[in-house]
């Protein structure tokens, strides 16, 4: 499997990007980042400055602390979010365990789920999985992520035939899922929506 580290060669920068994009609504101060990543403060500061200069992060000074947060208006924010969603946490676990889960055609995270935002409605779905799925294997991965996040993950599983049938019938439930923002973990977005 290709790794994010194949593209970003600085291990500290990689860890910083993963930290910020795994929790895009969080602000972190320099020492907190250093503790979280277990890296030297000078290396962390250097990479934070590079990421700020590149426009990925923004800094804010509060009292005697410098806080950083990810810029949601960064032109490649969505692309980085997609890469991080596939390289850490549940996305990585799904990709690594793809054969155990079954013959999966598509795995889609809702944009809100990938950004760690709360669902807007109770009937919305965090994850859509399409294919011949071994439900106990998928459920075990999702339960582990639920315990890490401390909240329930709402997911839907359907076969490829059911997906095609619901698309032809213009099923409101499926159309609601497909109308929202998404991050594709497995499969091509065009094939899923088209």
N, C-alpha and C. Protein backbone atom coordinates (compact mmCIF):
# COMPACT_ATOMS: atom_id res chain seq x y z
N UNK A 1 0.84 -1.18 0.00
CA UNK A 1 0.00 0.00 0.00
C UNK A 1 0.88 1.24 0.00
N UNK A 2 0.53 2.20 -0.81
CA UNK A 2 1.24 3.48 -0.83
C UNK A 2 0.99 4.20 0.48
N UNK A 3 1.99 4.89 0.96
CA UNK A 3 1.89 5.62 2.22
C UNK A 3 2.01 7.11 1.96
N UNK A 4 1.43 7.91 2.85
CA UNK A 4 1.54 9.36 2.78
C UNK A 4 3.01 9.78 2.86
N UNK A 5 3.81 8.99 3.59
CA UNK A 5 5.23 9.30 3.75
C UNK A 5 6.00 9.15 2.43
N UNK A 6 5.39 8.51 1.42
CA UNK A 6 6.02 8.42 0.11
C UNK A 6 6.03 9.79 -0.57
N UNK A 7 5.11 10.65 -0.20
CA UNK A 7 4.98 11.97 -0.81
C UNK A 7 5.65 13.03 0.06
N UNK A 8 5.36 13.01 1.35
CA UNK A 8 5.93 13.98 2.29
C UNK A 8 7.10 13.29 2.98
N UNK A 9 8.30 13.78 2.75
CA UNK A 9 9.48 13.08 3.24
C UNK A 9 9.89 13.46 4.66
N UNK A 10 9.50 14.63 5.14
CA UNK A 10 9.82 15.01 6.51
C UNK A 10 8.85 14.31 7.45
N UNK A 11 9.38 13.47 8.33
CA UNK A 11 8.53 12.73 9.26
C UNK A 11 7.78 13.66 10.21
N UNK A 12 8.43 14.72 10.63
CA UNK A 12 7.78 15.67 11.54
C UNK A 12 6.66 16.39 10.81
N UNK A 13 6.92 16.86 9.59
CA UNK A 13 5.88 17.54 8.81
C UNK A 13 4.71 16.60 8.55
N UNK A 14 5.00 15.36 8.22
CA UNK A 14 3.96 14.36 7.99
C UNK A 14 3.08 14.21 9.23
N UNK A 15 3.69 14.07 10.39
CA UNK A 15 2.94 13.91 11.64
C UNK A 15 2.11 15.15 11.95
N UNK A 16 2.66 16.34 11.67
CA UNK A 16 1.92 17.58 11.92
C UNK A 16 0.70 17.65 11.01
N UNK A 17 0.88 17.36 9.73
CA UNK A 17 -0.24 17.39 8.78
C UNK A 17 -1.30 16.39 9.20
N UNK A 18 -0.89 15.18 9.58
CA UNK A 18 -1.85 14.17 10.01
C UNK A 18 -2.60 14.62 11.27
N UNK A 19 -1.89 15.23 12.21
CA UNK A 19 -2.52 15.71 13.44
C UNK A 19 -3.58 16.76 13.13
N UNK A 20 -3.22 17.78 12.36
CA UNK A 20 -4.14 18.86 12.06
C UNK A 20 -5.32 18.42 11.20
N UNK A 21 -5.08 17.56 10.23
CA UNK A 21 -6.16 17.16 9.34
C UNK A 21 -6.98 15.99 9.88
N UNK A 22 -6.50 15.34 10.92
CA UNK A 22 -7.32 14.35 11.61
C UNK A 22 -8.31 15.05 12.53
N UNK A 23 -8.01 16.28 12.91
CA UNK A 23 -8.87 17.09 13.78
C UNK A 23 -8.90 18.52 13.26
N UNK A 24 -9.49 18.77 12.08
CA UNK A 24 -9.36 20.08 11.44
C UNK A 24 -9.96 21.25 12.20
N UNK A 25 -10.82 21.00 13.16
CA UNK A 25 -11.41 22.13 13.89
C UNK A 25 -10.64 22.48 15.16
N UNK A 26 -9.55 21.77 15.44
CA UNK A 26 -8.76 22.00 16.65
C UNK A 26 -7.66 23.03 16.44
N UNK A 27 -7.33 23.74 17.52
CA UNK A 27 -6.16 24.62 17.55
C UNK A 27 -5.15 23.97 18.49
N UNK A 28 -3.89 24.05 18.14
CA UNK A 28 -2.84 23.45 18.95
C UNK A 28 -1.76 24.47 19.25
N UNK A 29 -1.24 24.44 20.48
CA UNK A 29 -0.08 25.29 20.76
C UNK A 29 1.19 24.46 20.57
N UNK A 30 2.29 25.15 20.39
CA UNK A 30 3.54 24.50 19.98
C UNK A 30 3.94 23.38 20.94
N UNK A 31 3.93 23.66 22.22
CA UNK A 31 4.35 22.63 23.19
C UNK A 31 3.37 21.45 23.21
N UNK A 32 2.10 21.72 23.01
CA UNK A 32 1.11 20.64 22.93
C UNK A 32 1.37 19.74 21.74
N UNK A 33 1.74 20.34 20.62
CA UNK A 33 2.07 19.56 19.42
C UNK A 33 3.31 18.71 19.69
N UNK A 34 4.30 19.32 20.32
CA UNK A 34 5.55 18.62 20.64
C UNK A 34 5.27 17.40 21.52
N UNK A 35 4.43 17.58 22.53
CA UNK A 35 4.07 16.46 23.41
C UNK A 35 3.28 15.40 22.67
N UNK A 36 2.31 15.84 21.88
CA UNK A 36 1.45 14.92 21.13
C UNK A 36 2.25 14.05 20.17
N UNK A 37 3.20 14.67 19.47
CA UNK A 37 3.97 13.96 18.45
C UNK A 37 5.24 13.32 18.98
N UNK A 38 5.61 13.68 20.23
CA UNK A 38 6.84 13.17 20.84
C UNK A 38 8.05 13.47 19.94
N UNK A 39 8.16 14.73 19.55
CA UNK A 39 9.25 15.21 18.69
C UNK A 39 9.93 16.39 19.36
N UNK A 40 11.14 16.72 18.89
CA UNK A 40 11.88 17.86 19.44
C UNK A 40 11.20 19.17 19.06
N UNK A 41 11.20 20.11 20.00
CA UNK A 41 10.49 21.37 19.79
C UNK A 41 11.04 22.16 18.61
N UNK A 42 12.35 22.16 18.39
CA UNK A 42 12.91 22.92 17.27
C UNK A 42 12.46 22.36 15.93
N UNK A 43 12.40 21.05 15.82
CA UNK A 43 11.94 20.42 14.58
C UNK A 43 10.47 20.75 14.35
N UNK A 44 9.69 20.73 15.41
CA UNK A 44 8.26 21.04 15.30
C UNK A 44 8.08 22.50 14.88
N UNK A 45 8.78 23.41 15.54
CA UNK A 45 8.69 24.84 15.19
C UNK A 45 9.06 25.09 13.73
N UNK A 46 10.14 24.46 13.29
CA UNK A 46 10.62 24.64 11.92
C UNK A 46 9.54 24.20 10.92
N UNK A 47 8.95 23.05 11.16
CA UNK A 47 7.93 22.53 10.23
C UNK A 47 6.63 23.34 10.32
N UNK A 48 6.28 23.82 11.50
CA UNK A 48 5.10 24.67 11.63
C UNK A 48 5.28 25.96 10.83
N UNK A 49 6.46 26.54 10.91
CA UNK A 49 6.75 27.76 10.15
C UNK A 49 6.66 27.50 8.64
N UNK A 50 7.19 26.37 8.20
CA UNK A 50 7.12 26.04 6.77
C UNK A 50 5.68 25.85 6.33
N UNK A 51 4.88 25.17 7.14
CA UNK A 51 3.48 24.94 6.79
C UNK A 51 2.68 26.24 6.85
N UNK A 52 3.03 27.13 7.76
CA UNK A 52 2.36 28.43 7.80
C UNK A 52 2.75 29.25 6.57
N UNK A 53 4.02 29.27 6.23
CA UNK A 53 4.49 30.00 5.05
C UNK A 53 3.83 29.47 3.78
N UNK A 54 3.61 28.17 3.70
CA UNK A 54 2.98 27.54 2.54
C UNK A 54 1.47 27.81 2.50
N UNK A 55 0.91 28.30 3.61
CA UNK A 55 -0.52 28.60 3.65
C UNK A 55 -1.39 27.49 4.18
N UNK A 56 -0.79 26.39 4.60
CA UNK A 56 -1.57 25.26 5.12
C UNK A 56 -2.11 25.59 6.51
N UNK A 57 -1.27 26.21 7.34
CA UNK A 57 -1.64 26.55 8.72
C UNK A 57 -1.67 28.06 8.91
N UNK A 58 -2.37 28.45 9.94
CA UNK A 58 -2.41 29.86 10.34
C UNK A 58 -2.06 29.88 11.83
N UNK A 59 -1.37 30.95 12.26
CA UNK A 59 -1.03 31.01 13.68
C UNK A 59 -1.73 32.19 14.32
N UNK A 60 -1.93 32.03 15.62
CA UNK A 60 -2.59 33.05 16.41
C UNK A 60 -1.87 33.10 17.76
N UNK A 61 -1.53 34.30 18.19
CA UNK A 61 -0.84 34.45 19.47
C UNK A 61 -1.87 34.84 20.53
N UNK A 62 -1.88 34.07 21.59
CA UNK A 62 -2.77 34.33 22.73
C UNK A 62 -1.92 34.32 23.98
N UNK A 63 -1.76 35.51 24.57
CA UNK A 63 -0.90 35.62 25.74
C UNK A 63 0.52 35.28 25.36
N UNK A 64 1.09 34.32 26.06
CA UNK A 64 2.46 33.92 25.75
C UNK A 64 2.52 32.60 24.96
N UNK A 65 1.40 32.18 24.41
CA UNK A 65 1.35 30.94 23.62
C UNK A 65 1.05 31.23 22.16
N UNK A 66 1.66 30.44 21.30
CA UNK A 66 1.39 30.51 19.87
C UNK A 66 0.55 29.30 19.50
N UNK A 67 -0.62 29.54 18.94
CA UNK A 67 -1.53 28.48 18.53
C UNK A 67 -1.54 28.39 17.00
N UNK A 68 -1.70 27.18 16.52
CA UNK A 68 -1.80 26.95 15.08
C UNK A 68 -3.10 26.22 14.80
N UNK A 69 -3.65 26.48 13.63
CA UNK A 69 -4.83 25.75 13.17
C UNK A 69 -4.77 25.66 11.65
N UNK A 70 -5.46 24.67 11.12
CA UNK A 70 -5.44 24.44 9.67
C UNK A 70 -6.34 25.48 9.00
N UNK A 71 -5.88 25.97 7.86
CA UNK A 71 -6.67 26.93 7.08
C UNK A 71 -7.62 26.17 6.18
N UNK A 72 -8.91 26.32 6.44
CA UNK A 72 -9.92 25.63 5.65
C UNK A 72 -10.01 26.19 4.23
N UNK A 73 -9.48 27.41 4.04
CA UNK A 73 -9.49 28.02 2.70
C UNK A 73 -8.23 27.71 1.90
N UNK A 74 -7.36 26.88 2.44
CA UNK A 74 -6.16 26.47 1.72
C UNK A 74 -6.61 25.71 0.46
N UNK A 75 -6.08 26.07 -0.72
CA UNK A 75 -6.58 25.46 -1.97
C UNK A 75 -6.53 23.94 -2.02
N UNK A 76 -5.57 23.33 -1.31
CA UNK A 76 -5.46 21.88 -1.34
C UNK A 76 -5.99 21.23 -0.06
N UNK A 77 -6.78 21.96 0.71
CA UNK A 77 -7.31 21.42 1.96
C UNK A 77 -8.07 20.11 1.71
N UNK A 78 -9.00 20.11 0.77
CA UNK A 78 -9.79 18.91 0.49
C UNK A 78 -8.94 17.74 0.05
N UNK A 79 -7.92 18.03 -0.73
CA UNK A 79 -7.03 16.97 -1.20
C UNK A 79 -6.22 16.38 -0.04
N UNK A 80 -5.69 17.25 0.80
CA UNK A 80 -4.94 16.77 1.97
C UNK A 80 -5.85 16.01 2.92
N UNK A 81 -7.07 16.51 3.10
CA UNK A 81 -8.03 15.82 3.97
C UNK A 81 -8.29 14.41 3.46
N UNK A 82 -8.45 14.28 2.15
CA UNK A 82 -8.68 12.96 1.56
C UNK A 82 -7.48 12.04 1.77
N UNK A 83 -6.27 12.56 1.59
CA UNK A 83 -5.07 11.74 1.78
C UNK A 83 -4.96 11.30 3.24
N UNK A 84 -5.18 12.22 4.16
CA UNK A 84 -5.07 11.88 5.59
C UNK A 84 -6.17 10.91 5.99
N UNK A 85 -7.39 11.08 5.45
CA UNK A 85 -8.49 10.16 5.78
C UNK A 85 -8.16 8.73 5.37
N UNK A 86 -7.34 8.59 4.33
CA UNK A 86 -6.95 7.26 3.86
C UNK A 86 -5.70 6.73 4.54
N UNK A 87 -4.94 7.60 5.19
CA UNK A 87 -3.64 7.16 5.73
C UNK A 87 -3.61 7.02 7.25
N UNK A 88 -4.64 7.46 7.95
CA UNK A 88 -4.70 7.30 9.40
C UNK A 88 -6.10 6.85 9.81
N UNK A 89 -6.22 6.35 11.00
CA UNK A 89 -7.52 6.04 11.58
C UNK A 89 -8.31 4.99 10.82
N UNK A 90 -9.62 5.19 10.80
CA UNK A 90 -10.54 4.22 10.22
C UNK A 90 -10.30 4.02 8.73
N UNK A 91 -10.01 5.09 8.00
CA UNK A 91 -9.75 4.95 6.56
C UNK A 91 -8.61 4.01 6.29
N UNK A 92 -7.52 4.17 7.03
CA UNK A 92 -6.37 3.28 6.86
C UNK A 92 -6.74 1.85 7.23
N UNK A 93 -7.47 1.69 8.33
CA UNK A 93 -7.87 0.34 8.76
C UNK A 93 -8.74 -0.35 7.71
N UNK A 94 -9.64 0.40 7.10
CA UNK A 94 -10.50 -0.17 6.06
C UNK A 94 -9.66 -0.59 4.86
N UNK A 95 -8.72 0.24 4.44
CA UNK A 95 -7.87 -0.10 3.29
C UNK A 95 -6.99 -1.30 3.60
N UNK A 96 -6.37 -1.31 4.77
CA UNK A 96 -5.48 -2.42 5.15
C UNK A 96 -6.26 -3.73 5.26
N UNK A 97 -7.49 -3.66 5.75
CA UNK A 97 -8.30 -4.87 5.98
C UNK A 97 -9.33 -5.09 4.88
N UNK A 98 -9.11 -4.52 3.71
CA UNK A 98 -10.09 -4.59 2.62
C UNK A 98 -10.49 -6.03 2.28
N UNK A 99 -9.53 -6.93 2.21
CA UNK A 99 -9.87 -8.31 1.85
C UNK A 99 -10.65 -9.02 2.96
N UNK A 100 -10.40 -8.68 4.22
CA UNK A 100 -11.16 -9.27 5.33
C UNK A 100 -12.60 -8.77 5.33
N UNK A 101 -12.79 -7.52 4.90
CA UNK A 101 -14.12 -6.92 4.90
C UNK A 101 -14.99 -7.52 3.80
N UNK A 102 -14.38 -8.00 2.74
CA UNK A 102 -15.14 -8.61 1.65
C UNK A 102 -14.74 -8.01 0.31
N UNK A 103 -15.63 -8.10 -0.66
CA UNK A 103 -15.40 -7.52 -1.99
C UNK A 103 -16.06 -6.15 -2.01
N UNK A 104 -15.29 -5.15 -1.63
CA UNK A 104 -15.82 -3.79 -1.46
C UNK A 104 -15.59 -2.99 -2.73
N UNK A 105 -16.65 -2.41 -3.26
CA UNK A 105 -16.55 -1.55 -4.45
C UNK A 105 -16.29 -0.10 -4.07
N UNK A 106 -17.00 0.37 -3.02
CA UNK A 106 -16.89 1.76 -2.60
C UNK A 106 -16.93 1.88 -1.10
N UNK A 107 -16.12 2.78 -0.56
CA UNK A 107 -16.25 3.23 0.82
C UNK A 107 -16.16 4.75 0.76
N UNK A 108 -17.19 5.39 1.27
CA UNK A 108 -17.27 6.84 1.24
C UNK A 108 -17.50 7.37 2.65
N UNK A 109 -16.68 8.33 3.05
CA UNK A 109 -16.92 9.04 4.31
C UNK A 109 -17.64 10.33 3.96
N UNK A 110 -18.63 10.72 4.74
CA UNK A 110 -19.24 12.03 4.52
C UNK A 110 -18.20 13.09 4.83
N UNK A 111 -18.33 14.23 4.20
CA UNK A 111 -17.40 15.33 4.45
C UNK A 111 -17.40 15.75 5.91
N UNK A 112 -18.57 15.73 6.54
CA UNK A 112 -18.68 16.11 7.95
C UNK A 112 -17.94 15.10 8.83
N UNK A 113 -18.03 13.81 8.50
CA UNK A 113 -17.34 12.78 9.27
C UNK A 113 -15.83 12.94 9.14
N UNK A 114 -15.34 13.16 7.91
CA UNK A 114 -13.90 13.32 7.69
C UNK A 114 -13.37 14.56 8.41
N UNK A 115 -14.20 15.59 8.53
CA UNK A 115 -13.79 16.83 9.20
C UNK A 115 -14.07 16.79 10.70
N UNK A 116 -14.60 15.66 11.17
CA UNK A 116 -14.95 15.46 12.58
C UNK A 116 -15.99 16.46 13.08
N UNK A 117 -16.95 16.76 12.22
CA UNK A 117 -18.07 17.61 12.61
C UNK A 117 -19.25 16.71 12.94
N UNK A 118 -20.14 17.18 13.77
CA UNK A 118 -21.34 16.42 14.12
C UNK A 118 -22.28 16.33 12.92
N UNK A 119 -23.03 15.24 12.86
CA UNK A 119 -24.04 15.10 11.81
C UNK A 119 -25.10 16.18 11.99
N UNK A 120 -25.64 16.66 10.88
CA UNK A 120 -26.69 17.67 10.95
C UNK A 120 -28.03 17.05 11.33
N UNK A 121 -28.34 15.90 10.75
CA UNK A 121 -29.62 15.24 11.02
C UNK A 121 -29.35 13.82 11.50
N UNK A 122 -30.27 13.30 12.27
CA UNK A 122 -30.14 11.93 12.77
C UNK A 122 -30.13 10.91 11.64
N UNK A 123 -30.81 11.24 10.53
CA UNK A 123 -30.91 10.24 9.45
C UNK A 123 -29.74 10.30 8.48
N UNK A 124 -28.81 11.22 8.68
CA UNK A 124 -27.67 11.28 7.76
C UNK A 124 -26.67 10.17 8.09
N UNK A 125 -25.83 9.86 7.12
CA UNK A 125 -24.91 8.73 7.24
C UNK A 125 -23.47 9.25 7.24
N UNK A 126 -22.66 8.71 8.14
CA UNK A 126 -21.24 9.05 8.19
C UNK A 126 -20.44 8.29 7.14
N UNK A 127 -20.79 7.01 6.95
CA UNK A 127 -20.02 6.13 6.06
C UNK A 127 -20.99 5.31 5.21
N UNK A 128 -20.69 5.23 3.92
CA UNK A 128 -21.43 4.36 3.00
C UNK A 128 -20.45 3.32 2.49
N UNK A 129 -20.83 2.05 2.60
CA UNK A 129 -19.99 0.94 2.13
C UNK A 129 -20.82 0.16 1.12
N UNK A 130 -20.26 -0.05 -0.07
CA UNK A 130 -20.97 -0.76 -1.14
C UNK A 130 -20.14 -1.96 -1.56
N UNK A 131 -20.79 -3.13 -1.61
CA UNK A 131 -20.12 -4.34 -2.06
C UNK A 131 -20.65 -5.55 -1.31
N UNK A 132 -19.95 -6.65 -1.45
CA UNK A 132 -20.27 -7.87 -0.70
C UNK A 132 -19.44 -7.80 0.58
N UNK A 133 -20.07 -7.40 1.66
CA UNK A 133 -19.37 -7.04 2.88
C UNK A 133 -19.55 -8.11 3.96
N UNK A 134 -18.46 -8.42 4.64
CA UNK A 134 -18.50 -9.29 5.82
C UNK A 134 -18.79 -8.36 7.01
N UNK A 135 -20.04 -8.30 7.38
CA UNK A 135 -20.49 -7.31 8.38
C UNK A 135 -19.76 -7.38 9.72
N UNK A 136 -19.49 -8.57 10.28
CA UNK A 136 -18.78 -8.58 11.57
C UNK A 136 -17.39 -7.95 11.50
N UNK A 137 -16.69 -8.13 10.39
CA UNK A 137 -15.35 -7.54 10.23
C UNK A 137 -15.44 -6.02 10.16
N UNK A 138 -16.37 -5.52 9.36
CA UNK A 138 -16.56 -4.07 9.24
C UNK A 138 -17.02 -3.48 10.57
N UNK A 139 -17.95 -4.14 11.22
CA UNK A 139 -18.49 -3.65 12.50
C UNK A 139 -17.39 -3.56 13.56
N UNK A 140 -16.47 -4.51 13.57
CA UNK A 140 -15.37 -4.48 14.55
C UNK A 140 -14.48 -3.27 14.32
N UNK A 141 -14.17 -2.96 13.07
CA UNK A 141 -13.35 -1.78 12.76
C UNK A 141 -14.07 -0.50 13.19
N UNK A 142 -15.35 -0.44 12.91
CA UNK A 142 -16.13 0.76 13.25
C UNK A 142 -16.27 0.90 14.76
N UNK A 143 -16.47 -0.19 15.47
CA UNK A 143 -16.56 -0.11 16.95
C UNK A 143 -15.27 0.43 17.56
N UNK A 144 -14.12 0.00 17.02
CA UNK A 144 -12.84 0.53 17.53
C UNK A 144 -12.75 2.03 17.32
N UNK A 145 -13.17 2.49 16.14
CA UNK A 145 -13.13 3.93 15.86
C UNK A 145 -14.13 4.69 16.74
N UNK A 146 -15.30 4.09 16.99
CA UNK A 146 -16.28 4.72 17.87
C UNK A 146 -15.71 4.92 19.26
N UNK A 147 -14.97 3.92 19.76
CA UNK A 147 -14.39 4.05 21.09
C UNK A 147 -13.31 5.13 21.12
N UNK A 148 -12.55 5.27 20.02
CA UNK A 148 -11.53 6.33 19.95
C UNK A 148 -12.18 7.71 19.91
N UNK A 149 -13.24 7.84 19.13
CA UNK A 149 -13.90 9.15 18.97
C UNK A 149 -14.88 9.46 20.10
N UNK A 150 -15.32 8.43 20.79
CA UNK A 150 -16.27 8.65 21.87
C UNK A 150 -17.67 8.98 21.38
N UNK A 151 -18.01 8.54 20.18
CA UNK A 151 -19.35 8.77 19.65
C UNK A 151 -19.71 7.71 18.63
N UNK A 152 -21.01 7.54 18.44
CA UNK A 152 -21.52 6.54 17.52
C UNK A 152 -21.26 6.96 16.07
N UNK A 153 -20.91 5.99 15.24
CA UNK A 153 -20.72 6.22 13.82
C UNK A 153 -21.90 5.58 13.10
N UNK A 154 -22.59 6.38 12.31
CA UNK A 154 -23.76 5.91 11.57
C UNK A 154 -23.31 5.47 10.18
N UNK A 155 -23.42 4.18 9.89
CA UNK A 155 -22.96 3.68 8.59
C UNK A 155 -24.03 2.83 7.92
N UNK A 156 -23.96 2.79 6.60
CA UNK A 156 -24.90 2.02 5.80
C UNK A 156 -24.10 1.13 4.86
N UNK A 157 -24.56 -0.12 4.75
CA UNK A 157 -23.94 -1.09 3.86
C UNK A 157 -24.98 -1.54 2.86
N UNK A 158 -24.59 -1.58 1.58
CA UNK A 158 -25.51 -2.11 0.56
C UNK A 158 -24.70 -2.80 -0.53
N UNK A 159 -25.37 -3.69 -1.24
CA UNK A 159 -24.72 -4.38 -2.36
C UNK A 159 -24.66 -3.44 -3.55
N UNK A 160 -23.87 -3.80 -4.53
CA UNK A 160 -23.77 -3.00 -5.76
C UNK A 160 -25.12 -2.97 -6.48
N UNK A 161 -25.81 -4.13 -6.49
CA UNK A 161 -27.13 -4.20 -7.12
C UNK A 161 -28.12 -3.26 -6.43
N UNK A 162 -28.09 -3.25 -5.09
CA UNK A 162 -28.98 -2.36 -4.35
C UNK A 162 -28.66 -0.90 -4.64
N UNK A 163 -27.39 -0.57 -4.71
CA UNK A 163 -26.98 0.80 -5.05
C UNK A 163 -27.54 1.20 -6.41
N UNK A 164 -27.34 0.35 -7.41
CA UNK A 164 -27.83 0.65 -8.76
C UNK A 164 -29.35 0.76 -8.78
N UNK A 165 -30.04 -0.14 -8.08
CA UNK A 165 -31.50 -0.10 -8.01
C UNK A 165 -31.98 1.20 -7.37
N UNK A 166 -31.36 1.58 -6.25
CA UNK A 166 -31.76 2.81 -5.56
C UNK A 166 -31.47 4.05 -6.39
N UNK A 167 -30.37 4.03 -7.15
CA UNK A 167 -30.07 5.18 -8.01
C UNK A 167 -31.12 5.30 -9.12
N UNK A 168 -31.50 4.16 -9.73
CA UNK A 168 -32.53 4.19 -10.79
C UNK A 168 -33.86 4.67 -10.25
N UNK A 169 -34.20 4.28 -9.04
CA UNK A 169 -35.46 4.66 -8.40
C UNK A 169 -35.43 6.07 -7.80
N UNK A 170 -34.23 6.69 -7.85
CA UNK A 170 -34.02 8.01 -7.26
C UNK A 170 -34.46 8.02 -5.79
N UNK A 171 -33.97 7.01 -5.08
CA UNK A 171 -34.28 6.83 -3.66
C UNK A 171 -33.82 8.05 -2.85
N UNK A 172 -34.72 8.69 -2.12
CA UNK A 172 -34.37 9.91 -1.37
C UNK A 172 -33.24 9.69 -0.35
N UNK A 173 -33.22 8.53 0.29
CA UNK A 173 -32.18 8.25 1.28
C UNK A 173 -30.81 8.25 0.61
N UNK A 174 -30.67 7.53 -0.49
CA UNK A 174 -29.40 7.46 -1.20
C UNK A 174 -29.04 8.80 -1.81
N UNK A 175 -30.00 9.47 -2.41
CA UNK A 175 -29.73 10.78 -3.02
C UNK A 175 -29.26 11.78 -1.96
N UNK A 176 -29.80 11.69 -0.76
CA UNK A 176 -29.36 12.55 0.33
C UNK A 176 -27.91 12.31 0.69
N UNK A 177 -27.51 11.05 0.69
CA UNK A 177 -26.12 10.69 0.98
C UNK A 177 -25.21 11.22 -0.12
N UNK A 178 -25.60 10.98 -1.37
CA UNK A 178 -24.76 11.35 -2.51
C UNK A 178 -24.73 12.86 -2.77
N UNK A 179 -25.71 13.58 -2.25
CA UNK A 179 -25.76 15.03 -2.47
C UNK A 179 -24.77 15.78 -1.59
N UNK A 180 -24.35 15.17 -0.49
CA UNK A 180 -23.44 15.84 0.44
C UNK A 180 -21.99 15.75 0.00
N UNK A 181 -21.14 16.47 0.72
CA UNK A 181 -19.71 16.38 0.44
C UNK A 181 -19.20 15.02 0.91
N UNK A 182 -18.12 14.56 0.30
CA UNK A 182 -17.65 13.22 0.62
C UNK A 182 -16.15 13.10 0.40
N UNK A 183 -15.59 12.09 1.04
CA UNK A 183 -14.20 11.71 0.83
C UNK A 183 -14.23 10.23 0.48
N UNK A 184 -13.73 9.90 -0.71
CA UNK A 184 -13.72 8.51 -1.15
C UNK A 184 -12.50 7.81 -0.54
N UNK A 185 -12.76 6.72 0.15
CA UNK A 185 -11.69 5.91 0.74
C UNK A 185 -11.34 4.78 -0.22
N UNK A 186 -12.33 4.14 -0.78
CA UNK A 186 -12.15 3.08 -1.78
C UNK A 186 -13.11 3.37 -2.93
N UNK A 187 -12.61 3.24 -4.14
CA UNK A 187 -13.46 3.41 -5.32
C UNK A 187 -13.38 4.82 -5.89
N UNK A 188 -13.95 4.96 -7.06
CA UNK A 188 -13.94 6.21 -7.78
C UNK A 188 -15.26 6.95 -7.57
N UNK A 189 -15.17 8.21 -7.23
CA UNK A 189 -16.36 9.02 -6.96
C UNK A 189 -17.30 9.07 -8.16
N UNK A 190 -16.75 9.20 -9.34
CA UNK A 190 -17.55 9.28 -10.57
C UNK A 190 -18.39 8.00 -10.76
N UNK A 191 -17.78 6.84 -10.49
CA UNK A 191 -18.50 5.58 -10.60
C UNK A 191 -19.59 5.45 -9.55
N UNK A 192 -19.33 5.97 -8.36
CA UNK A 192 -20.33 5.90 -7.28
C UNK A 192 -21.54 6.76 -7.60
N UNK A 193 -21.30 7.98 -8.01
CA UNK A 193 -22.39 8.94 -8.21
C UNK A 193 -23.09 8.77 -9.56
N UNK A 194 -22.30 8.43 -10.58
CA UNK A 194 -22.83 8.38 -11.96
C UNK A 194 -23.82 7.29 -12.21
